[in-house]
């Protein structure tokens, strides 16, 4: 025997078909999602995609910060060993990894490219037009070590190592295409 909610949903669906109304169909879909359990999604992983001006240059930037190439792709297909290019041309899509985390890089598509430098007023100093992400590290000591790595790699540091009021230590770096990365870890409660 079906539940009363199921019967109401079936009735609403048949009414929506009769009305031939987009609004009625949206109401039915929302009802179904709320009452049939579809709202219990369990996301396993998120892979951000950054719009970049050059996949090879972006991969090299990430490599200077300790990331590894995961794949490179061009208009014909996969490029062996995630190389910058093959006989069919330069990579225009690729990925970099750090531990279990991966970021995809897409040349000229899938998102916005930020500013390579901060625009003049009235913009705030942290308005880059690009994507912002936080890289969570295990502890404050790792953030401090990575700060040194970023400085040695010549990364543009937009906020120096700072202890924040929300009990985290962090700093920010900007990718050459204007994307901002906040490198952070919560401080241990003492």
N, C-alpha and C. Protein backbone atom coordinates (compact mmCIF):
# COMPACT_ATOMS: atom_id res chain seq x y z
N UNK A 1 0.85 -1.18 0.00
CA UNK A 1 0.00 0.00 0.00
C UNK A 1 0.89 1.24 0.00
N UNK A 2 0.62 2.17 -0.90
CA UNK A 2 1.39 3.40 -1.00
C UNK A 2 0.98 4.36 0.11
N UNK A 3 1.93 5.20 0.48
CA UNK A 3 1.66 6.17 1.53
C UNK A 3 0.76 7.28 1.01
N UNK A 4 0.08 8.00 1.92
CA UNK A 4 -0.75 9.14 1.48
C UNK A 4 0.08 10.19 0.74
N UNK A 5 1.33 10.36 1.14
CA UNK A 5 2.19 11.34 0.46
C UNK A 5 2.40 10.93 -0.98
N UNK A 6 2.62 9.62 -1.21
CA UNK A 6 2.80 9.13 -2.57
C UNK A 6 1.54 9.39 -3.39
N UNK A 7 0.38 9.10 -2.81
CA UNK A 7 -0.89 9.30 -3.53
C UNK A 7 -1.10 10.78 -3.86
N UNK A 8 -0.76 11.68 -2.93
CA UNK A 8 -0.90 13.11 -3.19
C UNK A 8 0.05 13.52 -4.32
N UNK A 9 1.26 12.98 -4.27
CA UNK A 9 2.24 13.28 -5.32
C UNK A 9 1.75 12.82 -6.69
N UNK A 10 1.18 11.62 -6.76
CA UNK A 10 0.66 11.11 -8.03
C UNK A 10 -0.48 11.98 -8.53
N UNK A 11 -1.35 12.40 -7.62
CA UNK A 11 -2.46 13.27 -7.99
C UNK A 11 -1.94 14.61 -8.50
N UNK A 12 -0.98 15.17 -7.80
CA UNK A 12 -0.41 16.46 -8.22
C UNK A 12 0.27 16.34 -9.57
N UNK A 13 0.95 15.22 -9.82
CA UNK A 13 1.62 15.01 -11.10
C UNK A 13 0.60 14.93 -12.23
N UNK A 14 -0.49 14.22 -12.02
CA UNK A 14 -1.50 14.13 -13.07
C UNK A 14 -2.17 15.49 -13.29
N UNK A 15 -2.37 16.25 -12.23
CA UNK A 15 -2.94 17.59 -12.37
C UNK A 15 -1.99 18.49 -13.13
N UNK A 16 -0.69 18.39 -12.82
CA UNK A 16 0.31 19.22 -13.50
C UNK A 16 0.31 18.92 -15.00
N UNK A 17 0.18 17.64 -15.34
CA UNK A 17 0.14 17.26 -16.75
C UNK A 17 -1.10 17.84 -17.42
N UNK A 18 -2.21 17.85 -16.69
CA UNK A 18 -3.45 18.40 -17.21
C UNK A 18 -3.32 19.90 -17.42
N UNK A 19 -2.71 20.58 -16.44
CA UNK A 19 -2.57 22.05 -16.53
C UNK A 19 -1.55 22.45 -17.59
N UNK A 20 -0.61 21.53 -17.89
CA UNK A 20 0.47 21.84 -18.81
C UNK A 20 1.16 23.14 -18.44
N UNK A 21 1.41 23.27 -17.18
CA UNK A 21 2.02 24.49 -16.66
C UNK A 21 3.41 24.19 -16.12
N UNK A 22 4.38 24.99 -16.53
CA UNK A 22 5.73 24.84 -16.00
C UNK A 22 5.73 25.02 -14.48
N UNK A 23 4.95 25.99 -14.01
CA UNK A 23 4.91 26.24 -12.58
C UNK A 23 4.37 25.01 -11.84
N UNK A 24 3.30 24.41 -12.37
CA UNK A 24 2.72 23.24 -11.72
C UNK A 24 3.73 22.09 -11.69
N UNK A 25 4.48 21.93 -12.76
CA UNK A 25 5.48 20.86 -12.80
C UNK A 25 6.57 21.13 -11.78
N UNK A 26 7.00 22.40 -11.65
CA UNK A 26 8.00 22.73 -10.64
C UNK A 26 7.50 22.46 -9.22
N UNK A 27 6.23 22.76 -8.98
CA UNK A 27 5.65 22.49 -7.66
C UNK A 27 5.69 20.99 -7.38
N UNK A 28 5.34 20.19 -8.37
CA UNK A 28 5.35 18.74 -8.19
C UNK A 28 6.77 18.23 -7.95
N UNK A 29 7.72 18.73 -8.72
CA UNK A 29 9.10 18.30 -8.52
C UNK A 29 9.58 18.66 -7.12
N UNK A 30 9.27 19.88 -6.67
CA UNK A 30 9.68 20.30 -5.33
C UNK A 30 9.01 19.40 -4.28
N UNK A 31 7.73 19.10 -4.45
CA UNK A 31 7.02 18.23 -3.53
C UNK A 31 7.72 16.87 -3.47
N UNK A 32 8.03 16.33 -4.65
CA UNK A 32 8.66 15.01 -4.73
C UNK A 32 10.00 15.01 -4.01
N UNK A 33 10.80 16.03 -4.25
CA UNK A 33 12.12 16.12 -3.62
C UNK A 33 11.98 16.20 -2.11
N UNK A 34 11.05 17.00 -1.62
CA UNK A 34 10.90 17.19 -0.18
C UNK A 34 10.30 15.98 0.53
N UNK A 35 9.44 15.25 -0.15
CA UNK A 35 8.71 14.20 0.54
C UNK A 35 9.08 12.78 0.13
N UNK A 36 9.93 12.61 -0.82
CA UNK A 36 10.30 11.27 -1.23
C UNK A 36 11.73 10.90 -0.88
N UNK A 37 12.42 11.78 -0.13
CA UNK A 37 13.73 11.43 0.37
C UNK A 37 14.90 11.81 -0.52
N UNK A 38 14.65 12.48 -1.63
CA UNK A 38 15.74 12.83 -2.52
C UNK A 38 16.65 13.91 -1.95
N UNK A 39 16.21 14.59 -0.92
CA UNK A 39 17.01 15.67 -0.35
C UNK A 39 18.15 15.15 0.51
N UNK A 40 18.29 13.85 0.67
CA UNK A 40 19.32 13.28 1.52
C UNK A 40 20.55 12.92 0.70
N UNK A 41 21.05 13.89 -0.06
CA UNK A 41 22.22 13.66 -0.88
C UNK A 41 23.46 13.61 0.00
N UNK A 42 24.37 12.73 -0.33
CA UNK A 42 25.64 12.62 0.39
C UNK A 42 26.77 12.85 -0.61
N UNK A 43 27.26 14.08 -0.66
CA UNK A 43 28.32 14.42 -1.60
C UNK A 43 29.61 13.76 -1.14
N UNK A 44 30.25 13.04 -2.02
CA UNK A 44 31.48 12.32 -1.70
C UNK A 44 32.72 13.15 -1.96
N UNK A 45 32.65 14.06 -2.94
CA UNK A 45 33.85 14.78 -3.35
C UNK A 45 33.44 15.98 -4.20
N UNK A 46 34.16 17.06 -4.09
CA UNK A 46 33.94 18.22 -4.95
C UNK A 46 35.25 18.52 -5.66
N UNK A 47 35.17 18.72 -6.96
CA UNK A 47 36.36 19.10 -7.73
C UNK A 47 36.11 20.45 -8.36
N UNK A 48 36.75 21.49 -7.85
CA UNK A 48 36.58 22.81 -8.47
C UNK A 48 37.27 22.85 -9.83
N UNK A 49 36.74 23.69 -10.71
CA UNK A 49 37.32 23.90 -12.04
C UNK A 49 37.67 25.38 -12.14
N UNK A 50 38.93 25.67 -12.40
CA UNK A 50 39.37 27.05 -12.55
C UNK A 50 39.53 27.39 -14.02
N UNK A 51 39.01 28.53 -14.41
CA UNK A 51 39.23 29.06 -15.75
C UNK A 51 40.62 29.71 -15.73
N UNK A 52 41.50 29.27 -16.61
CA UNK A 52 42.87 29.78 -16.64
C UNK A 52 43.24 30.21 -18.06
N UNK A 53 44.24 31.06 -18.18
CA UNK A 53 44.67 31.50 -19.50
C UNK A 53 45.63 30.51 -20.15
N UNK A 54 46.29 29.68 -19.33
CA UNK A 54 47.20 28.66 -19.86
C UNK A 54 47.26 27.49 -18.89
N UNK A 55 46.85 26.32 -19.35
CA UNK A 55 46.89 25.12 -18.50
C UNK A 55 48.34 24.77 -18.15
N UNK A 56 49.27 24.73 -19.11
CA UNK A 56 50.65 24.41 -18.74
C UNK A 56 51.25 25.39 -17.73
N UNK A 57 51.01 26.69 -17.91
CA UNK A 57 51.54 27.69 -16.97
C UNK A 57 50.91 27.51 -15.58
N UNK A 58 49.63 27.19 -15.54
CA UNK A 58 48.96 26.98 -14.25
C UNK A 58 49.47 25.73 -13.56
N UNK A 59 49.68 24.66 -14.34
CA UNK A 59 50.23 23.44 -13.76
C UNK A 59 51.62 23.71 -13.17
N UNK A 60 52.43 24.48 -13.88
CA UNK A 60 53.77 24.80 -13.38
C UNK A 60 53.68 25.61 -12.09
N UNK A 61 52.72 26.54 -12.02
CA UNK A 61 52.53 27.34 -10.81
C UNK A 61 52.18 26.44 -9.62
N UNK A 62 51.23 25.52 -9.82
CA UNK A 62 50.85 24.60 -8.75
C UNK A 62 52.01 23.69 -8.36
N UNK A 63 52.78 23.24 -9.35
CA UNK A 63 53.93 22.37 -9.05
C UNK A 63 54.95 23.08 -8.17
N UNK A 64 55.17 24.38 -8.38
CA UNK A 64 56.10 25.12 -7.52
C UNK A 64 55.62 25.14 -6.08
N UNK A 65 54.32 24.93 -5.88
CA UNK A 65 53.74 24.91 -4.53
C UNK A 65 53.58 23.49 -3.99
N UNK A 66 54.12 22.50 -4.70
CA UNK A 66 54.11 21.12 -4.21
C UNK A 66 53.00 20.24 -4.74
N UNK A 67 52.13 20.77 -5.60
CA UNK A 67 51.07 19.95 -6.19
C UNK A 67 51.67 19.09 -7.30
N UNK A 68 50.93 18.06 -7.72
CA UNK A 68 51.36 17.17 -8.80
C UNK A 68 50.33 17.20 -9.93
N UNK A 69 50.83 17.02 -11.13
CA UNK A 69 49.92 16.92 -12.28
C UNK A 69 49.17 15.60 -12.22
N UNK A 70 47.87 15.63 -12.52
CA UNK A 70 47.12 14.37 -12.56
C UNK A 70 46.79 13.96 -13.99
N UNK A 71 46.49 14.93 -14.86
CA UNK A 71 46.23 14.62 -16.26
C UNK A 71 46.29 15.91 -17.07
N UNK A 72 46.47 15.75 -18.37
CA UNK A 72 46.40 16.87 -19.31
C UNK A 72 45.67 16.38 -20.55
N UNK A 73 44.89 17.27 -21.14
CA UNK A 73 44.02 16.92 -22.25
C UNK A 73 44.07 18.06 -23.26
N UNK A 74 44.01 17.74 -24.55
CA UNK A 74 43.86 18.77 -25.57
C UNK A 74 42.70 18.41 -26.49
N UNK A 75 42.55 19.13 -27.57
CA UNK A 75 41.38 18.95 -28.45
C UNK A 75 41.25 17.54 -29.01
N UNK A 76 42.33 16.76 -29.01
CA UNK A 76 42.28 15.40 -29.56
C UNK A 76 42.11 14.35 -28.47
N UNK A 77 42.64 14.60 -27.30
CA UNK A 77 42.50 13.60 -26.24
C UNK A 77 43.55 13.75 -25.15
N UNK A 78 43.71 12.67 -24.40
CA UNK A 78 44.62 12.65 -23.26
C UNK A 78 46.07 12.78 -23.73
N UNK A 79 46.84 13.58 -23.00
CA UNK A 79 48.26 13.76 -23.28
C UNK A 79 49.04 12.88 -22.32
N UNK A 80 49.88 11.97 -22.83
CA UNK A 80 50.63 11.07 -21.94
C UNK A 80 51.45 11.82 -20.90
N UNK A 81 51.49 11.25 -19.70
CA UNK A 81 52.28 11.78 -18.58
C UNK A 81 51.89 13.20 -18.19
N UNK A 82 50.69 13.62 -18.52
CA UNK A 82 50.21 14.96 -18.18
C UNK A 82 51.17 16.04 -18.64
N UNK A 83 51.78 15.81 -19.80
CA UNK A 83 52.74 16.77 -20.36
C UNK A 83 52.02 18.06 -20.80
N UNK A 84 52.80 19.11 -21.01
CA UNK A 84 52.24 20.39 -21.45
C UNK A 84 51.59 20.30 -22.82
N UNK A 85 52.14 19.44 -23.67
CA UNK A 85 51.65 19.34 -25.04
C UNK A 85 52.04 18.00 -25.65
N UNK A 86 51.44 17.68 -26.77
CA UNK A 86 51.88 16.54 -27.58
C UNK A 86 51.81 16.98 -29.04
N UNK A 87 51.91 16.05 -29.96
CA UNK A 87 51.92 16.40 -31.38
C UNK A 87 50.62 17.06 -31.84
N UNK A 88 49.55 16.93 -31.05
CA UNK A 88 48.26 17.53 -31.41
C UNK A 88 48.04 18.90 -30.78
N UNK A 89 49.01 19.38 -30.00
CA UNK A 89 48.89 20.73 -29.46
C UNK A 89 49.01 20.80 -27.95
N UNK A 90 48.89 22.02 -27.48
CA UNK A 90 49.03 22.30 -26.05
C UNK A 90 47.80 21.84 -25.26
N UNK A 91 48.04 21.48 -24.02
CA UNK A 91 46.93 21.09 -23.14
C UNK A 91 46.00 22.29 -22.93
N UNK A 92 44.69 22.03 -23.01
CA UNK A 92 43.73 23.08 -22.71
C UNK A 92 42.79 22.67 -21.57
N UNK A 93 43.05 21.52 -21.00
CA UNK A 93 42.30 21.05 -19.83
C UNK A 93 43.25 20.14 -19.05
N UNK A 94 43.19 20.19 -17.75
CA UNK A 94 44.09 19.35 -16.96
C UNK A 94 43.71 19.36 -15.50
N UNK A 95 44.50 18.64 -14.74
CA UNK A 95 44.24 18.56 -13.31
C UNK A 95 45.53 18.53 -12.52
N UNK A 96 45.44 19.04 -11.28
CA UNK A 96 46.55 18.97 -10.33
C UNK A 96 46.01 18.39 -9.03
N UNK A 97 46.87 17.66 -8.31
CA UNK A 97 46.45 17.02 -7.07
C UNK A 97 47.41 17.33 -5.93
N UNK A 98 46.85 17.30 -4.74
CA UNK A 98 47.61 17.38 -3.49
C UNK A 98 46.90 16.45 -2.53
N UNK A 99 47.55 15.34 -2.19
CA UNK A 99 46.87 14.35 -1.35
C UNK A 99 45.66 13.81 -2.08
N UNK A 100 44.49 13.87 -1.44
CA UNK A 100 43.24 13.39 -2.04
C UNK A 100 42.44 14.49 -2.72
N UNK A 101 43.03 15.67 -2.85
CA UNK A 101 42.32 16.82 -3.40
C UNK A 101 42.77 17.05 -4.84
N UNK A 102 41.82 17.38 -5.70
CA UNK A 102 42.16 17.67 -7.09
C UNK A 102 41.47 18.95 -7.53
N UNK A 103 42.16 19.72 -8.34
CA UNK A 103 41.61 20.92 -8.97
C UNK A 103 41.76 20.74 -10.47
N UNK A 104 40.67 20.98 -11.21
CA UNK A 104 40.72 20.95 -12.66
C UNK A 104 41.03 22.35 -13.17
N UNK A 105 41.74 22.41 -14.29
CA UNK A 105 42.13 23.67 -14.92
C UNK A 105 41.60 23.66 -16.35
N UNK A 106 40.86 24.69 -16.73
CA UNK A 106 40.26 24.74 -18.06
C UNK A 106 40.64 26.06 -18.72
N UNK A 107 41.24 25.98 -19.88
CA UNK A 107 41.69 27.18 -20.57
C UNK A 107 40.55 27.90 -21.24
N UNK A 108 40.26 29.10 -20.75
CA UNK A 108 39.28 29.97 -21.39
C UNK A 108 37.83 29.58 -21.25
N UNK A 109 37.49 28.71 -20.32
CA UNK A 109 36.09 28.30 -20.18
C UNK A 109 35.82 27.82 -18.75
N UNK A 110 34.56 27.53 -18.48
CA UNK A 110 34.10 26.97 -17.21
C UNK A 110 34.45 27.84 -16.01
N UNK A 111 33.90 29.03 -16.00
CA UNK A 111 34.12 29.94 -14.89
C UNK A 111 34.73 31.24 -15.38
N UNK A 112 35.08 32.07 -14.42
CA UNK A 112 35.64 33.36 -14.79
C UNK A 112 37.12 33.40 -14.47
N UNK A 113 37.84 34.14 -15.27
CA UNK A 113 39.24 34.41 -14.98
C UNK A 113 39.25 35.68 -14.15
N UNK A 114 40.02 35.67 -13.09
CA UNK A 114 40.12 36.87 -12.26
C UNK A 114 41.07 37.88 -12.88
N UNK A 115 41.34 38.90 -12.12
CA UNK A 115 42.27 39.94 -12.56
C UNK A 115 43.68 39.50 -12.22
N UNK A 116 44.63 39.77 -13.09
CA UNK A 116 46.01 39.44 -12.77
C UNK A 116 46.59 40.41 -11.75
N UNK A 117 45.96 41.56 -11.60
CA UNK A 117 46.31 42.49 -10.53
C UNK A 117 45.02 43.11 -10.03
N UNK A 118 45.04 43.64 -8.85
CA UNK A 118 43.83 44.18 -8.24
C UNK A 118 43.43 45.46 -8.98
N UNK A 119 42.15 45.55 -9.40
CA UNK A 119 41.71 46.75 -10.11
C UNK A 119 41.72 47.96 -9.17
N UNK A 120 41.69 49.13 -9.77
CA UNK A 120 41.68 50.34 -8.94
C UNK A 120 40.33 50.50 -8.25
N UNK A 121 40.26 51.42 -7.33
CA UNK A 121 39.03 51.65 -6.55
C UNK A 121 37.86 51.80 -7.49
N UNK A 122 36.65 51.51 -7.13
CA UNK A 122 36.16 51.29 -5.76
C UNK A 122 36.25 49.85 -5.28
N UNK A 123 36.99 48.99 -5.96
CA UNK A 123 37.10 47.61 -5.55
C UNK A 123 37.91 47.47 -4.27
N UNK A 124 37.58 46.44 -3.49
CA UNK A 124 38.38 46.13 -2.29
C UNK A 124 39.65 45.43 -2.72
N UNK A 125 40.64 45.45 -1.86
CA UNK A 125 41.93 44.83 -2.17
C UNK A 125 41.81 43.33 -2.42
N UNK A 126 40.79 42.69 -1.84
CA UNK A 126 40.65 41.24 -2.04
C UNK A 126 39.64 40.90 -3.14
N UNK A 127 39.21 41.88 -3.91
CA UNK A 127 38.30 41.63 -5.02
C UNK A 127 39.13 41.29 -6.25
N UNK A 128 39.24 40.01 -6.56
CA UNK A 128 40.08 39.58 -7.68
C UNK A 128 39.27 39.20 -8.90
N UNK A 129 37.95 39.06 -8.75
CA UNK A 129 37.13 38.61 -9.86
C UNK A 129 37.24 37.11 -10.10
N UNK A 130 38.18 36.45 -9.46
CA UNK A 130 38.39 35.01 -9.65
C UNK A 130 37.70 34.20 -8.57
N UNK A 131 38.00 32.93 -8.58
CA UNK A 131 37.45 31.98 -7.60
C UNK A 131 38.27 32.07 -6.31
N UNK A 132 37.60 31.94 -5.19
CA UNK A 132 38.27 31.84 -3.88
C UNK A 132 38.09 30.43 -3.36
N UNK A 133 39.17 29.87 -2.83
CA UNK A 133 39.10 28.55 -2.19
C UNK A 133 39.96 28.56 -0.94
N UNK A 134 39.59 27.71 0.01
CA UNK A 134 40.42 27.52 1.20
C UNK A 134 41.05 26.15 1.12
N UNK A 135 42.37 26.11 1.31
CA UNK A 135 43.10 24.86 1.42
C UNK A 135 43.30 24.62 2.91
N UNK A 136 42.63 23.63 3.46
CA UNK A 136 42.74 23.32 4.89
C UNK A 136 43.92 22.38 5.12
N UNK A 137 44.82 22.79 5.96
CA UNK A 137 45.94 21.95 6.34
C UNK A 137 45.69 21.39 7.73
N UNK A 138 46.50 20.42 8.15
CA UNK A 138 46.25 19.69 9.40
C UNK A 138 46.42 20.55 10.64
N UNK A 139 47.37 21.49 10.61
CA UNK A 139 47.62 22.29 11.82
C UNK A 139 48.36 23.57 11.43
N UNK A 140 48.48 24.45 12.43
CA UNK A 140 49.11 25.76 12.20
C UNK A 140 50.57 25.62 11.78
N UNK A 141 51.26 24.62 12.29
CA UNK A 141 52.67 24.42 11.93
C UNK A 141 52.80 24.15 10.43
N UNK A 142 51.88 23.36 9.86
CA UNK A 142 51.91 23.10 8.42
C UNK A 142 51.63 24.37 7.62
N UNK A 143 50.75 25.22 8.13
CA UNK A 143 50.47 26.49 7.45
C UNK A 143 51.74 27.34 7.42
N UNK A 144 52.44 27.38 8.53
CA UNK A 144 53.69 28.16 8.60
C UNK A 144 54.74 27.61 7.62
N UNK A 145 54.87 26.29 7.56
CA UNK A 145 55.81 25.69 6.62
C UNK A 145 55.41 26.03 5.18
N UNK A 146 54.13 25.89 4.88
CA UNK A 146 53.68 26.17 3.52
C UNK A 146 53.82 27.65 3.17
N UNK A 147 53.71 28.52 4.15
CA UNK A 147 53.94 29.94 3.93
C UNK A 147 55.36 30.15 3.40
N UNK A 148 56.33 29.48 4.02
CA UNK A 148 57.73 29.56 3.56
C UNK A 148 57.86 29.01 2.14
N UNK A 149 57.20 27.91 1.86
CA UNK A 149 57.23 27.31 0.52
C UNK A 149 56.68 28.32 -0.51
N UNK A 150 55.55 28.93 -0.19
CA UNK A 150 54.92 29.88 -1.10
C UNK A 150 55.83 31.09 -1.34
N UNK A 151 56.46 31.57 -0.29
CA UNK A 151 57.37 32.72 -0.42
C UNK A 151 58.56 32.36 -1.32
N UNK A 152 59.14 31.17 -1.08
CA UNK A 152 60.29 30.73 -1.89
C UNK A 152 59.91 30.49 -3.34
N UNK A 153 58.67 30.07 -3.56
CA UNK A 153 58.19 29.80 -4.92
C UNK A 153 57.84 31.09 -5.67
N UNK A 154 57.86 32.20 -4.97
CA UNK A 154 57.53 33.47 -5.61
C UNK A 154 56.05 33.71 -5.79
N UNK A 155 55.21 33.00 -5.01
CA UNK A 155 53.77 33.21 -5.11
C UNK A 155 53.42 34.62 -4.62
N UNK A 156 52.41 35.21 -5.23
CA UNK A 156 51.95 36.53 -4.80
C UNK A 156 51.15 36.35 -3.51
N UNK A 157 51.70 36.79 -2.40
CA UNK A 157 51.03 36.69 -1.11
C UNK A 157 50.19 37.95 -0.94
N UNK A 158 48.88 37.78 -0.82
CA UNK A 158 47.98 38.93 -0.70
C UNK A 158 47.58 39.22 0.74
N UNK A 159 47.83 38.27 1.63
CA UNK A 159 47.65 38.49 3.06
C UNK A 159 48.70 37.66 3.77
N UNK A 160 49.55 38.29 4.60
CA UNK A 160 50.60 37.53 5.28
C UNK A 160 50.01 36.58 6.32
N UNK A 161 50.84 35.73 6.84
CA UNK A 161 50.44 34.79 7.89
C UNK A 161 49.78 35.56 9.03
N UNK A 162 48.55 35.18 9.35
CA UNK A 162 47.74 35.93 10.31
C UNK A 162 46.97 34.96 11.19
N UNK A 163 46.87 35.26 12.48
CA UNK A 163 45.98 34.52 13.37
C UNK A 163 44.65 35.25 13.36
N UNK A 164 43.61 34.55 12.95
CA UNK A 164 42.29 35.15 12.79
C UNK A 164 41.46 35.03 14.07
N UNK A 165 40.47 35.92 14.26
CA UNK A 165 39.61 35.86 15.44
C UNK A 165 38.79 34.57 15.55
N UNK A 166 38.62 33.86 14.42
CA UNK A 166 37.85 32.60 14.45
C UNK A 166 38.74 31.40 14.77
N UNK A 167 39.87 31.68 15.40
CA UNK A 167 40.76 30.63 15.93
C UNK A 167 41.42 29.81 14.81
N UNK A 168 41.85 30.52 13.79
CA UNK A 168 42.56 29.88 12.68
C UNK A 168 43.77 30.73 12.32
N UNK A 169 44.79 30.08 11.83
CA UNK A 169 45.92 30.80 11.26
C UNK A 169 45.87 30.59 9.76
N UNK A 170 46.16 31.66 9.00
CA UNK A 170 46.04 31.54 7.56
C UNK A 170 46.83 32.64 6.86
N UNK A 171 47.01 32.43 5.56
CA UNK A 171 47.53 33.46 4.67
C UNK A 171 46.86 33.25 3.32
N UNK A 172 47.01 34.22 2.42
CA UNK A 172 46.38 34.13 1.11
C UNK A 172 47.42 34.32 0.01
N UNK A 173 47.23 33.55 -1.06
CA UNK A 173 48.04 33.73 -2.26
C UNK A 173 47.11 33.87 -3.45
N UNK A 174 47.62 34.54 -4.47
CA UNK A 174 46.82 34.73 -5.68
C UNK A 174 47.49 34.04 -6.86
N UNK A 175 46.71 33.25 -7.57
CA UNK A 175 47.12 32.59 -8.80
C UNK A 175 47.33 33.66 -9.88
N UNK A 176 48.19 33.43 -10.86
CA UNK A 176 48.40 34.43 -11.92
C UNK A 176 47.13 34.86 -12.66
N UNK A 177 46.09 34.03 -12.66
CA UNK A 177 44.83 34.40 -13.30
C UNK A 177 43.83 35.01 -12.32
N UNK A 178 44.29 35.38 -11.13
CA UNK A 178 43.45 36.10 -10.18
C UNK A 178 42.68 35.26 -9.19
N UNK A 179 42.79 33.95 -9.23
CA UNK A 179 42.11 33.11 -8.25
C UNK A 179 42.85 33.22 -6.92
N UNK A 180 42.10 33.25 -5.82
CA UNK A 180 42.71 33.43 -4.50
C UNK A 180 42.57 32.16 -3.69
N UNK A 181 43.67 31.78 -3.04
CA UNK A 181 43.68 30.60 -2.19
C UNK A 181 44.02 31.03 -0.77
N UNK A 182 43.15 30.68 0.14
CA UNK A 182 43.36 30.92 1.57
C UNK A 182 43.90 29.61 2.14
N UNK A 183 45.11 29.65 2.65
CA UNK A 183 45.74 28.45 3.23
C UNK A 183 45.56 28.59 4.74
N UNK A 184 44.88 27.61 5.35
CA UNK A 184 44.39 27.79 6.70
C UNK A 184 44.41 26.51 7.52
N UNK A 185 44.44 26.68 8.84
CA UNK A 185 44.25 25.57 9.78
C UNK A 185 43.70 26.15 11.07
N UNK A 186 42.83 25.40 11.70
CA UNK A 186 42.34 25.83 13.00
C UNK A 186 43.42 25.62 14.04
N UNK A 187 43.46 26.52 15.02
CA UNK A 187 44.41 26.40 16.11
C UNK A 187 43.87 25.44 17.14
N UNK A 188 44.75 24.72 17.78
CA UNK A 188 44.34 23.80 18.85
C UNK A 188 43.85 24.62 20.04
N UNK A 189 42.74 24.19 20.66
CA UNK A 189 42.29 24.84 21.89
C UNK A 189 43.21 24.43 23.02
N UNK A 190 43.68 25.42 23.72
CA UNK A 190 44.59 25.12 24.83
C UNK A 190 44.01 25.56 26.14
